[in-house]
C-alpha atoms as a PDB file:
ATOM      1  CA  MET A   1     -19.350  19.891  20.449  1.00  0.00           C
ATOM      2  CA  GLU A   2     -22.656  21.141  19.851  1.00  0.00           C
ATOM      3  CA  GLU A   3     -22.517  23.866  22.492  1.00  0.00           C
ATOM      4  CA  LYS A   4     -19.340  24.906  20.765  1.00  0.00           C
ATOM      5  CA  GLY A   5     -21.464  25.457  17.333  1.00  0.00           C
ATOM      6  CA  TYR A   6     -20.751  22.071  15.646  1.00  0.00           C
ATOM      7  CA  LYS A   7     -23.287  20.251  13.955  1.00  0.00           C
ATOM      8  CA  VAL A   8     -23.005  16.638  15.249  1.00  0.00           C
ATOM      9  CA  HIS A   9     -24.803  13.383  13.954  1.00  0.00           C
ATOM     10  CA  TYR A  10     -25.258  11.140  17.060  1.00  0.00           C
ATOM     11  CA  PRO A  11     -26.487   7.796  15.563  1.00  0.00           C
ATOM     12  CA  PRO A  12     -28.885   6.875  18.952  1.00  0.00           C
ATOM     13  CA  ARG A  13     -30.245  10.054  18.678  1.00  0.00           C
ATOM     14  CA  ASP A  14     -30.220  10.980  15.034  1.00  0.00           C
ATOM     15  CA  THR A  15     -30.694   8.048  12.894  1.00  0.00           C
ATOM     16  CA  ASN A  16     -33.815   6.620  12.695  1.00  0.00           C
ATOM     17  CA  GLN A  17     -33.641   3.701  14.989  1.00  0.00           C
ATOM     18  CA  GLU A  18     -37.193   1.997  13.364  1.00  0.00           C
ATOM     19  CA  ASP A  19     -35.597  -0.560  10.836  1.00  0.00           C
ATOM     20  CA  PRO A  20     -36.482  -4.054  11.256  1.00  0.00           C
ATOM     21  CA  ASN A  21     -33.324  -5.286   9.490  1.00  0.00           C
ATOM     22  CA  GLY A  22     -30.733  -2.173   9.778  1.00  0.00           C
ATOM     23  CA  TYR A  23     -30.450  -1.503   6.269  1.00  0.00           C
ATOM     24  CA  TYR A  24     -32.043   2.320   6.723  1.00  0.00           C
ATOM     25  CA  ILE A  25     -29.595   2.747   9.650  1.00  0.00           C
ATOM     26  CA  CYS A  26     -26.623   2.056   8.066  1.00  0.00           C
ATOM     27  CA  LEU A  27     -27.432   4.192   5.060  1.00  0.00           C
ATOM     28  CA  GLN A  28     -28.397   7.066   7.204  1.00  0.00           C
ATOM     29  CA  ASN A  29     -25.272   6.642   9.203  1.00  0.00           C
ATOM     30  CA  ARG A  30     -23.160   6.073   6.090  1.00  0.00           C
ATOM     31  CA  GLU A  31     -24.403   9.671   4.449  1.00  0.00           C
ATOM     32  CA  ALA A  32     -23.767  11.210   7.757  1.00  0.00           C
ATOM     33  CA  ILE A  33     -20.079   9.826   7.561  1.00  0.00           C
ATOM     34  CA  VAL A  34     -19.636  10.924   3.718  1.00  0.00           C
ATOM     35  CA  ASN A  35     -21.171  14.494   4.839  1.00  0.00           C
ATOM     36  CA  ALA A  36     -19.076  15.093   7.612  1.00  0.00           C
ATOM     37  CA  ASP A  37     -15.754  16.857   7.902  1.00  0.00           C
ATOM     38  CA  GLU A  38     -14.260  14.871  10.702  1.00  0.00           C
ATOM     39  CA  VAL A  39     -15.372  11.654  11.996  1.00  0.00           C
ATOM     40  CA  HIS A  40     -15.531  11.479  15.922  1.00  0.00           C
ATOM     41  CA  ILE A  41     -15.503   7.527  17.065  1.00  0.00           C
ATOM     42  CA  TYR A  42     -16.543   5.856  20.163  1.00  0.00           C
ATOM     43  CA  TRP A  43     -15.092   2.569  20.009  1.00  0.00           C
ATOM     44  CA  ASN A  44     -16.454  -0.679  21.634  1.00  0.00           C
ATOM     45  CA  GLY A  45     -14.860  -3.636  19.983  1.00  0.00           C
ATOM     46  CA  LYS A  46     -17.646  -5.943  21.279  1.00  0.00           C
ATOM     47  CA  SER A  47     -20.327  -3.705  18.958  1.00  0.00           C
ATOM     48  CA  SER A  48     -21.270  -4.929  15.634  1.00  0.00           C
ATOM     49  CA  GLY A  49     -22.438  -1.406  14.832  1.00  0.00           C
ATOM     50  CA  SER A  50     -18.879   0.112  16.001  1.00  0.00           C
ATOM     51  CA  LYS A  51     -17.121  -2.593  13.793  1.00  0.00           C
ATOM     52  CA  PHE A  52     -19.496  -1.788  10.845  1.00  0.00           C
ATOM     53  CA  ASP A  53     -19.319   1.845  11.164  1.00  0.00           C
ATOM     54  CA  PHE A  54     -15.398   1.647  11.347  1.00  0.00           C
ATOM     55  CA  GLY A  55     -15.417   0.024   8.101  1.00  0.00           C
ATOM     56  CA  MET A  56     -17.529   2.790   6.684  1.00  0.00           C
ATOM     57  CA  VAL A  57     -15.073   5.326   7.979  1.00  0.00           C
ATOM     58  CA  PHE A  58     -12.287   3.513   6.763  1.00  0.00           C
ATOM     59  CA  MET A  59     -13.510   3.061   3.402  1.00  0.00           C
ATOM     60  CA  VAL A  60     -14.705   7.025   2.907  1.00  0.00           C
ATOM     61  CA  ASN A  61     -11.002   7.906   3.837  1.00  0.00           C
ATOM     62  CA  TYR A  62      -9.392   6.193   1.100  1.00  0.00           C
ATOM     63  CA  PHE A  63     -10.574   8.600  -1.083  1.00  0.00           C
ATOM     64  CA  THR A  64     -11.341  11.567   1.546  1.00  0.00           C
ATOM     65  CA  LYS A  65      -8.799  11.742   3.961  1.00  0.00           C
ATOM     66  CA  LYS A  66     -11.203  13.523   6.701  1.00  0.00           C
ATOM     67  CA  PRO A  67      -9.673  13.272  10.140  1.00  0.00           C
ATOM     68  CA  ILE A  68     -10.684  10.744  12.602  1.00  0.00           C
ATOM     69  CA  VAL A  69     -11.063  11.316  16.579  1.00  0.00           C
ATOM     70  CA  ILE A  70     -11.246   8.505  18.869  1.00  0.00           C
ATOM     71  CA  ILE A  71     -13.342  10.032  21.946  1.00  0.00           C
ATOM     72  CA  ASN A  72     -12.599   7.290  24.132  1.00  0.00           C
ATOM     73  CA  LYS A  73      -8.858   6.812  22.837  1.00  0.00           C
ATOM     74  CA  GLU A  74      -7.814   6.057  26.742  1.00  0.00           C
ATOM     75  CA  ASP A  75     -10.001   2.649  26.247  1.00  0.00           C
ATOM     76  CA  VAL A  76      -8.480   1.690  22.730  1.00  0.00           C
ATOM     77  CA  LYS A  77      -5.340  -0.201  23.402  1.00  0.00           C
ATOM     78  CA  LYS A  78      -2.619  -1.431  20.852  1.00  0.00           C
ATOM     79  CA  THR A  79      -2.682  -5.376  20.512  1.00  0.00           C
ATOM     80  CA  PRO A  80       0.604  -7.495  19.770  1.00  0.00           C
ATOM     81  CA  TYR A  81      -1.540  -8.829  17.014  1.00  0.00           C
ATOM     82  CA  LYS A  82      -3.799  -7.498  14.001  1.00  0.00           C
ATOM     83  CA  SER A  83      -6.540  -5.965  15.317  1.00  0.00           C
ATOM     84  CA  PHE A  84      -9.392  -3.605  14.450  1.00  0.00           C
ATOM     85  CA  GLU A  85      -7.850  -1.245  17.640  1.00  0.00           C
ATOM     86  CA  ASN A  86      -4.749  -1.131  15.772  1.00  0.00           C
ATOM     87  CA  VAL A  87      -6.250  -0.296  12.177  1.00  0.00           C
ATOM     88  CA  LEU A  88      -8.020   2.468  14.201  1.00  0.00           C
ATOM     89  CA  LEU A  89      -5.217   3.768  16.376  1.00  0.00           C
ATOM     90  CA  THR A  90      -2.940   3.566  13.137  1.00  0.00           C
ATOM     91  CA  LEU A  91      -5.722   5.084  10.572  1.00  0.00           C
ATOM     92  CA  GLU A  92      -6.165   8.494  13.231  1.00  0.00           C
ATOM     93  CA  GLU A  93      -2.715   8.708  13.462  1.00  0.00           C
ATOM     94  CA  LYS A  94      -2.055   8.912   9.468  1.00  0.00           C
ATOM     95  CA  LEU A  95      -4.738  10.977   9.241  1.00  0.00           C
ATOM     96  CA  ARG A  96      -3.364  13.336  11.871  1.00  0.00           C
ATOM     97  CA  ASP A  97      -0.119  14.042   9.752  1.00  0.00           C
END
């Protein structure tokens, strides 16, 4: 994306990870999500960070309707029960329309 001229916030690289309790990490990531034109998500359902950041994206999109792109969509499978995967896939679809 950066090679195409887009500004990218990549948390492992761009968020100061030297935070003993994680509060400022969450603030920095929230700020990046709020300021983004669209949000690209690499979903890892086992990661509490993925779940937390997705929650922030979900909340921000209530007000802004910014597009979501699932980077690893081939790994995100719809489940026959309620799940964050289903919510993420549904939100991506609704924001595409």
